[in-house]
PDB file of N, CA and C in Angstrom:
ATOM      1  N   MET A   1      59.060 101.861 110.151  1.00  0.00           N
ATOM      2  CA  MET A   1      58.127 102.892 110.558  1.00  0.00           C
ATOM      3  C   MET A   1      58.310 103.212 112.041  1.00  0.00           C
ATOM      4  N   ARG A   2      58.552 102.170 112.830  1.00  0.00           N
ATOM      5  CA  ARG A   2      58.696 102.376 114.270  1.00  0.00           C
ATOM      6  C   ARG A   2      59.846 103.325 114.583  1.00  0.00           C
ATOM      7  N   SER A   3      60.970 103.184 113.858  1.00  0.00           N
ATOM      8  CA  SER A   3      62.117 104.054 114.143  1.00  0.00           C
ATOM      9  C   SER A   3      61.806 105.509 113.791  1.00  0.00           C
ATOM     10  N   ILE A   4      61.032 105.735 112.729  1.00  0.00           N
ATOM     11  CA  ILE A   4      60.657 107.101 112.350  1.00  0.00           C
ATOM     12  C   ILE A   4      59.781 107.721 113.431  1.00  0.00           C
ATOM     13  N   ILE A   5      58.830 106.956 113.916  1.00  0.00           N
ATOM     14  CA  ILE A   5      57.929 107.463 114.958  1.00  0.00           C
ATOM     15  C   ILE A   5      58.701 107.722 116.246  1.00  0.00           C
ATOM     16  N   ASN A   6      59.581 106.798 116.627  1.00  0.00           N
ATOM     17  CA  ASN A   6      60.366 106.997 117.843  1.00  0.00           C
ATOM     18  C   ASN A   6      61.306 108.195 117.713  1.00  0.00           C
ATOM     19  N   GLU A   7      61.873 108.382 116.536  1.00  0.00           N
ATOM     20  CA  GLU A   7      62.739 109.545 116.312  1.00  0.00           C
ATOM     21  C   GLU A   7      61.933 110.839 116.457  1.00  0.00           C
ATOM     22  N   PHE A   8      60.731 110.873 115.894  1.00  0.00           N
ATOM     23  CA  PHE A   8      59.857 112.040 116.012  1.00  0.00           C
ATOM     24  C   PHE A   8      59.481 112.279 117.469  1.00  0.00           C
ATOM     25  N   ARG A   9      59.124 111.214 118.190  1.00  0.00           N
ATOM     26  CA  ARG A   9      58.770 111.348 119.608  1.00  0.00           C
ATOM     27  C   ARG A   9      59.921 111.961 120.396  1.00  0.00           C
ATOM     28  N   LYS A  10      61.129 111.438 120.164  1.00  0.00           N
ATOM     29  CA  LYS A  10      62.289 111.872 120.937  1.00  0.00           C
ATOM     30  C   LYS A  10      62.761 113.269 120.530  1.00  0.00           C
ATOM     31  N   ASP A  11      63.000 113.478 119.233  1.00  0.00           N
ATOM     32  CA  ASP A  11      63.628 114.715 118.760  1.00  0.00           C
ATOM     33  C   ASP A  11      62.669 115.901 118.685  1.00  0.00           C
ATOM     34  N   THR A  12      61.425 115.664 118.315  1.00  0.00           N
ATOM     35  CA  THR A  12      60.480 116.759 118.117  1.00  0.00           C
ATOM     36  C   THR A  12      59.615 117.014 119.338  1.00  0.00           C
ATOM     37  N   LEU A  13      59.108 115.935 119.920  1.00  0.00           N
ATOM     38  CA  LEU A  13      58.176 116.087 121.043  1.00  0.00           C
ATOM     39  C   LEU A  13      58.841 116.003 122.412  1.00  0.00           C
ATOM     40  N   GLY A  14      60.108 115.573 122.442  1.00  0.00           N
ATOM     41  CA  GLY A  14      60.805 115.442 123.713  1.00  0.00           C
ATOM     42  C   GLY A  14      60.282 114.298 124.566  1.00  0.00           C
ATOM     43  N   LEU A  15      59.690 113.298 123.924  1.00  0.00           N
ATOM     44  CA  LEU A  15      59.145 112.143 124.639  1.00  0.00           C
ATOM     45  C   LEU A  15      60.113 110.979 124.562  1.00  0.00           C
ATOM     46  N   SER A  16      59.922 110.014 125.430  1.00  0.00           N
ATOM     47  CA  SER A  16      60.753 108.817 125.377  1.00  0.00           C
ATOM     48  C   SER A  16      60.300 107.933 124.215  1.00  0.00           C
ATOM     49  N   THR A  17      61.205 107.069 123.773  1.00  0.00           N
ATOM     50  CA  THR A  17      60.850 106.129 122.713  1.00  0.00           C
ATOM     51  C   THR A  17      59.992 105.011 123.302  1.00  0.00           C
ATOM     52  N   LEU A  18      59.283 104.308 122.427  1.00  0.00           N
ATOM     53  CA  LEU A  18      58.404 103.227 122.861  1.00  0.00           C
ATOM     54  C   LEU A  18      58.812 101.911 122.213  1.00  0.00           C
ATOM     55  N   HIS A  19      58.767 100.853 122.988  1.00  0.00           N
ATOM     56  CA  HIS A  19      58.914  99.505 122.455  1.00  0.00           C
ATOM     57  C   HIS A  19      57.603  99.159 121.758  1.00  0.00           C
ATOM     58  N   ILE A  20      57.635  98.267 120.801  1.00  0.00           N
ATOM     59  CA  ILE A  20      56.431  97.933 120.035  1.00  0.00           C
ATOM     60  C   ILE A  20      55.282  97.491 120.950  1.00  0.00           C
ATOM     61  N   ARG A  21      55.574  96.756 121.997  1.00  0.00           N
ATOM     62  CA  ARG A  21      54.509  96.311 122.919  1.00  0.00           C
ATOM     63  C   ARG A  21      53.876  97.496 123.646  1.00  0.00           C
ATOM     64  N   GLN A  22      54.709  98.464 124.025  1.00  0.00           N
ATOM     65  CA  GLN A  22      54.180  99.662 124.682  1.00  0.00           C
ATOM     66  C   GLN A  22      53.285 100.450 123.731  1.00  0.00           C
ATOM     67  N   ALA A  23      53.701 100.550 122.479  1.00  0.00           N
ATOM     68  CA  ALA A  23      52.928 101.307 121.491  1.00  0.00           C
ATOM     69  C   ALA A  23      51.567 100.665 121.251  1.00  0.00           C
ATOM     70  N   VAL A  24      51.548  99.354 121.111  1.00  0.00           N
ATOM     71  CA  VAL A  24      50.282  98.644 120.892  1.00  0.00           C
ATOM     72  C   VAL A  24      49.381  98.808 122.103  1.00  0.00           C
ATOM     73  N   ARG A  25      49.930  98.652 123.289  1.00  0.00           N
ATOM     74  CA  ARG A  25      49.134  98.787 124.517  1.00  0.00           C
ATOM     75  C   ARG A  25      48.563 100.204 124.631  1.00  0.00           C
ATOM     76  N   LEU A  26      49.377 101.202 124.302  1.00  0.00           N
ATOM     77  CA  LEU A  26      48.936 102.595 124.350  1.00  0.00           C
ATOM     78  C   LEU A  26      47.785 102.837 123.374  1.00  0.00           C
ATOM     79  N   MET A  27      47.912 102.296 122.166  1.00  0.00           N
ATOM     80  CA  MET A  27      46.838 102.449 121.175  1.00  0.00           C
ATOM     81  C   MET A  27      45.541 101.823 121.667  1.00  0.00           C
ATOM     82  N   LEU A  28      45.648 100.661 122.280  1.00  0.00           N
ATOM     83  CA  LEU A  28      44.449  99.982 122.782  1.00  0.00           C
ATOM     84  C   LEU A  28      43.853 100.720 123.974  1.00  0.00           C
ATOM     85  N   ASP A  29      44.694 101.114 124.905  1.00  0.00           N
ATOM     86  CA  ASP A  29      44.214 101.786 126.121  1.00  0.00           C
ATOM     87  C   ASP A  29      43.575 103.136 125.823  1.00  0.00           C
ATOM     88  N   GLU A  30      44.130 103.865 124.859  1.00  0.00           N
ATOM     89  CA  GLU A  30      43.651 105.214 124.544  1.00  0.00           C
ATOM     90  C   GLU A  30      42.607 105.231 123.426  1.00  0.00           C
ATOM     91  N   HIS A  31      42.251 104.059 122.927  1.00  0.00           N
ATOM     92  CA  HIS A  31      41.235 103.937 121.863  1.00  0.00           C
ATOM     93  C   HIS A  31      41.597 104.775 120.636  1.00  0.00           C
ATOM     94  N   VAL A  32      42.853 104.679 120.232  1.00  0.00           N
ATOM     95  CA  VAL A  32      43.320 105.415 119.058  1.00  0.00           C
ATOM     96  C   VAL A  32      42.642 104.827 117.816  1.00  0.00           C
ATOM     97  N   PRO A  33      41.923 105.658 117.061  1.00  0.00           N
ATOM     98  CA  PRO A  33      41.254 105.138 115.865  1.00  0.00           C
ATOM     99  C   PRO A  33      42.272 104.644 114.840  1.00  0.00           C
ATOM    100  N   HIS A  34      41.993 103.518 114.255  1.00  0.00           N
ATOM    101  CA  HIS A  34      42.825 103.046 113.156  1.00  0.00           C
ATOM    102  C   HIS A  34      42.004 102.192 112.203  1.00  0.00           C
ATOM    103  N   THR A  35      42.515 102.088 110.989  1.00  0.00           N
ATOM    104  CA  THR A  35      41.792 101.444 109.900  1.00  0.00           C
ATOM    105  C   THR A  35      42.666 100.383 109.254  1.00  0.00           C
ATOM    106  N   TYR A  36      42.071  99.242 108.983  1.00  0.00           N
ATOM    107  CA  TYR A  36      42.728  98.198 108.211  1.00  0.00           C
ATOM    108  C   TYR A  36      42.272  98.330 106.769  1.00  0.00           C
ATOM    109  N   CYS A  37      43.210  98.233 105.849  1.00  0.00           N
ATOM    110  CA  CYS A  37      42.923  98.508 104.432  1.00  0.00           C
ATOM    111  C   CYS A  37      42.804  97.216 103.630  1.00  0.00           C
ATOM    112  N   TRP A  38      41.811  96.432 103.954  1.00  0.00           N
ATOM    113  CA  TRP A  38      41.452  95.280 103.136  1.00  0.00           C
ATOM    114  C   TRP A  38      39.947  95.301 102.973  1.00  0.00           C
ATOM    115  N   SER A  39      39.454  94.549 102.046  1.00  0.00           N
ATOM    116  CA  SER A  39      38.026  94.560 101.774  1.00  0.00           C
ATOM    117  C   SER A  39      37.256  93.817 102.858  1.00  0.00           C
ATOM    118  N   PRO A  40      36.218  94.443 103.413  1.00  0.00           N
ATOM    119  CA  PRO A  40      35.382  93.732 104.375  1.00  0.00           C
ATOM    120  C   PRO A  40      34.623  92.580 103.722  1.00  0.00           C
ATOM    121  N   SER A  41      34.603  92.540 102.392  1.00  0.00           N
ATOM    122  CA  SER A  41      34.013  91.391 101.700  1.00  0.00           C
ATOM    123  C   SER A  41      34.921  90.172 101.809  1.00  0.00           C
ATOM    124  N   LEU A  42      36.230  90.416 101.912  1.00  0.00           N
ATOM    125  CA  LEU A  42      37.178  89.314 102.070  1.00  0.00           C
ATOM    126  C   LEU A  42      37.278  88.874 103.522  1.00  0.00           C
ATOM    127  N   VAL A  43      37.455  89.842 104.394  1.00  0.00           N
ATOM    128  CA  VAL A  43      37.555  89.572 105.832  1.00  0.00           C
ATOM    129  C   VAL A  43      36.698  90.608 106.544  1.00  0.00           C
ATOM    130  N   PRO A  44      35.476  90.256 106.928  1.00  0.00           N
ATOM    131  CA  PRO A  44      34.599  91.218 107.605  1.00  0.00           C
ATOM    132  C   PRO A  44      35.139  91.595 108.984  1.00  0.00           C
ATOM    133  N   LYS A  45      34.738  92.756 109.438  1.00  0.00           N
ATOM    134  CA  LYS A  45      35.123  93.197 110.777  1.00  0.00           C
ATOM    135  C   LYS A  45      34.439  92.288 111.803  1.00  0.00           C
ATOM    136  N   PRO A  46      35.218  91.653 112.665  1.00  0.00           N
ATOM    137  CA  PRO A  46      34.618  90.795 113.688  1.00  0.00           C
ATOM    138  C   PRO A  46      33.726  91.591 114.642  1.00  0.00           C
ATOM    139  N   ASP A  47      32.692  90.963 115.120  1.00  0.00           N
ATOM    140  CA  ASP A  47      31.734  91.617 116.016  1.00  0.00           C
ATOM    141  C   ASP A  47      32.359  92.082 117.325  1.00  0.00           C
ATOM    142  N   ASP A  48      33.438  91.422 117.744  1.00  0.00           N
ATOM    143  CA  ASP A  48      34.040  91.775 119.031  1.00  0.00           C
ATOM    144  C   ASP A  48      35.110  92.867 118.920  1.00  0.00           C
ATOM    145  N   TRP A  49      35.326  93.425 117.723  1.00  0.00           N
ATOM    146  CA  TRP A  49      36.276  94.524 117.576  1.00  0.00           C
ATOM    147  C   TRP A  49      35.642  95.811 118.079  1.00  0.00           C
ATOM    148  N   PRO A  50      36.445  96.680 118.700  1.00  0.00           N
ATOM    149  CA  PRO A  50      35.899  97.950 119.206  1.00  0.00           C
ATOM    150  C   PRO A  50      35.524  98.904 118.072  1.00  0.00           C
ATOM    151  N   GLU A  51      34.730  99.909 118.414  1.00  0.00           N
ATOM    152  CA  GLU A  51      34.242 100.865 117.416  1.00  0.00           C
ATOM    153  C   GLU A  51      35.353 101.709 116.798  1.00  0.00           C
ATOM    154  N   HIS A  52      36.456 101.921 117.531  1.00  0.00           N
ATOM    155  CA  HIS A  52      37.525 102.772 117.007  1.00  0.00           C
ATOM    156  C   HIS A  52      38.438 102.044 116.012  1.00  0.00           C
ATOM    157  N   VAL A  53      38.154 100.784 115.740  1.00  0.00           N
ATOM    158  CA  VAL A  53      38.893 100.014 114.740  1.00  0.00           C
ATOM    159  C   VAL A  53      37.941  99.729 113.584  1.00  0.00           C
ATOM    160  N   ASP A  54      38.398  99.992 112.361  1.00  0.00           N
ATOM    161  CA  ASP A  54      37.514  99.832 111.216  1.00  0.00           C
ATOM    162  C   ASP A  54      38.252  99.175 110.057  1.00  0.00           C
ATOM    163  N   ILE A  55      37.487  98.682 109.104  1.00  0.00           N
ATOM    164  CA  ILE A  55      38.014  98.143 107.851  1.00  0.00           C
ATOM    165  C   ILE A  55      37.454  99.015 106.738  1.00  0.00           C
ATOM    166  N   SER A  56      38.335  99.613 105.957  1.00  0.00           N
ATOM    167  CA  SER A  56      37.888 100.602 104.975  1.00  0.00           C
ATOM    168  C   SER A  56      37.766 100.062 103.563  1.00  0.00           C
ATOM    169  N   GLY A  57      38.403  98.976 103.275  1.00  0.00           N
ATOM    170  CA  GLY A  57      38.542  98.536 101.892  1.00  0.00           C
ATOM    171  C   GLY A  57      39.922  98.934 101.395  1.00  0.00           C
ATOM    172  N   PHE A  58      40.227  98.555 100.181  1.00  0.00           N
ATOM    173  CA  PHE A  58      41.545  98.830  99.617  1.00  0.00           C
ATOM    174  C   PHE A  58      41.668 100.293  99.198  1.00  0.00           C
ATOM    175  N   PHE A  59      42.894 100.808  99.210  1.00  0.00           N
ATOM    176  CA  PHE A  59      43.175 102.153  98.722  1.00  0.00           C
ATOM    177  C   PHE A  59      43.764 102.033  97.319  1.00  0.00           C
ATOM    178  N   PHE A  60      43.290 102.844  96.403  1.00  0.00           N
ATOM    179  CA  PHE A  60      43.812 102.852  95.044  1.00  0.00           C
ATOM    180  C   PHE A  60      44.201 104.278  94.689  1.00  0.00           C
ATOM    181  N   LEU A  61      45.482 104.535  94.622  1.00  0.00           N
ATOM    182  CA  LEU A  61      45.980 105.878  94.360  1.00  0.00           C
ATOM    183  C   LEU A  61      45.557 106.389  92.987  1.00  0.00           C
ATOM    184  N   ASP A  62      45.531 105.503  91.992  1.00  0.00           N
ATOM    185  CA  ASP A  62      45.191 105.958  90.644  1.00  0.00           C
ATOM    186  C   ASP A  62      43.743 106.436  90.532  1.00  0.00           C
ATOM    187  N   LEU A  63      42.867 106.022  91.428  1.00  0.00           N
ATOM    188  CA  LEU A  63      41.485 106.484  91.404  1.00  0.00           C
ATOM    189  C   LEU A  63      41.361 107.931  91.880  1.00  0.00           C
ATOM    190  N   ALA A  64      42.386 108.429  92.525  1.00  0.00           N
ATOM    191  CA  ALA A  64      42.330 109.777  93.086  1.00  0.00           C
ATOM    192  C   ALA A  64      42.859 110.840  92.123  1.00  0.00           C
ATOM    193  N   THR A  65      43.274 110.475  90.939  1.00  0.00           N
ATOM    194  CA  THR A  65      43.903 111.448  90.043  1.00  0.00           C
ATOM    195  C   THR A  65      42.946 112.538  89.577  1.00  0.00           C
ATOM    196  N   ASN A  66      41.671 112.259  89.476  1.00  0.00           N
ATOM    197  CA  ASN A  66      40.700 113.258  89.022  1.00  0.00           C
ATOM    198  C   ASN A  66      39.852 113.821  90.154  1.00  0.00           C
ATOM    199  N   TYR A  67      40.197 113.493  91.365  1.00  0.00           N
ATOM    200  CA  TYR A  67      39.390 113.933  92.505  1.00  0.00           C
ATOM    201  C   TYR A  67      39.562 115.424  92.746  1.00  0.00           C
ATOM    202  N   LYS A  68      38.454 116.114  92.918  1.00  0.00           N
ATOM    203  CA  LYS A  68      38.476 117.532  93.291  1.00  0.00           C
ATOM    204  C   LYS A  68      37.609 117.684  94.535  1.00  0.00           C
ATOM    205  N   PRO A  69      38.219 118.072  95.648  1.00  0.00           N
ATOM    206  CA  PRO A  69      37.445 118.214  96.882  1.00  0.00           C
ATOM    207  C   PRO A  69      36.451 119.362  96.782  1.00  0.00           C
ATOM    208  N   PRO A  70      35.362 119.285  97.522  1.00  0.00           N
ATOM    209  CA  PRO A  70      34.395 120.381  97.537  1.00  0.00           C
ATOM    210  C   PRO A  70      35.056 121.670  98.050  1.00  0.00           C
ATOM    211  N   GLU A  71      34.553 122.793  97.606  1.00  0.00           N
ATOM    212  CA  GLU A  71      35.109 124.093  97.990  1.00  0.00           C
ATOM    213  C   GLU A  71      35.142 124.280  99.505  1.00  0.00           C
ATOM    214  N   ASP A  72      34.089 123.837 100.200  1.00  0.00           N
ATOM    215  CA  ASP A  72      34.050 124.038 101.653  1.00  0.00           C
ATOM    216  C   ASP A  72      35.092 123.196 102.384  1.00  0.00           C
ATOM    217  N   LEU A  73      35.665 122.225 101.697  1.00  0.00           N
ATOM    218  CA  LEU A  73      36.727 121.421 102.285  1.00  0.00           C
ATOM    219  C   LEU A  73      38.090 122.071 102.089  1.00  0.00           C
ATOM    220  N   MET A  74      38.179 122.927 101.114  1.00  0.00           N
ATOM    221  CA  MET A  74      39.446 123.593 100.798  1.00  0.00           C
ATOM    222  C   MET A  74      39.722 124.670 101.765  1.00  0.00           C
TER     223      MET A  74
END
């Protein structure tokens, strides 16, 4: 995944590539929202985690087969 992101940064955005440590530091410094996909029943979100980090639960693609978004979302 890192090589795809670095390729996009370099070729599309004209930015320099990032080492994994730089990317992690940038995410933390800029409060980039991100989600961990495990059940909070298994591993609850620790109290000392920042608000921009969340635990959503597992993703199940097969549950989305009958989903129809509301018209105002379309």
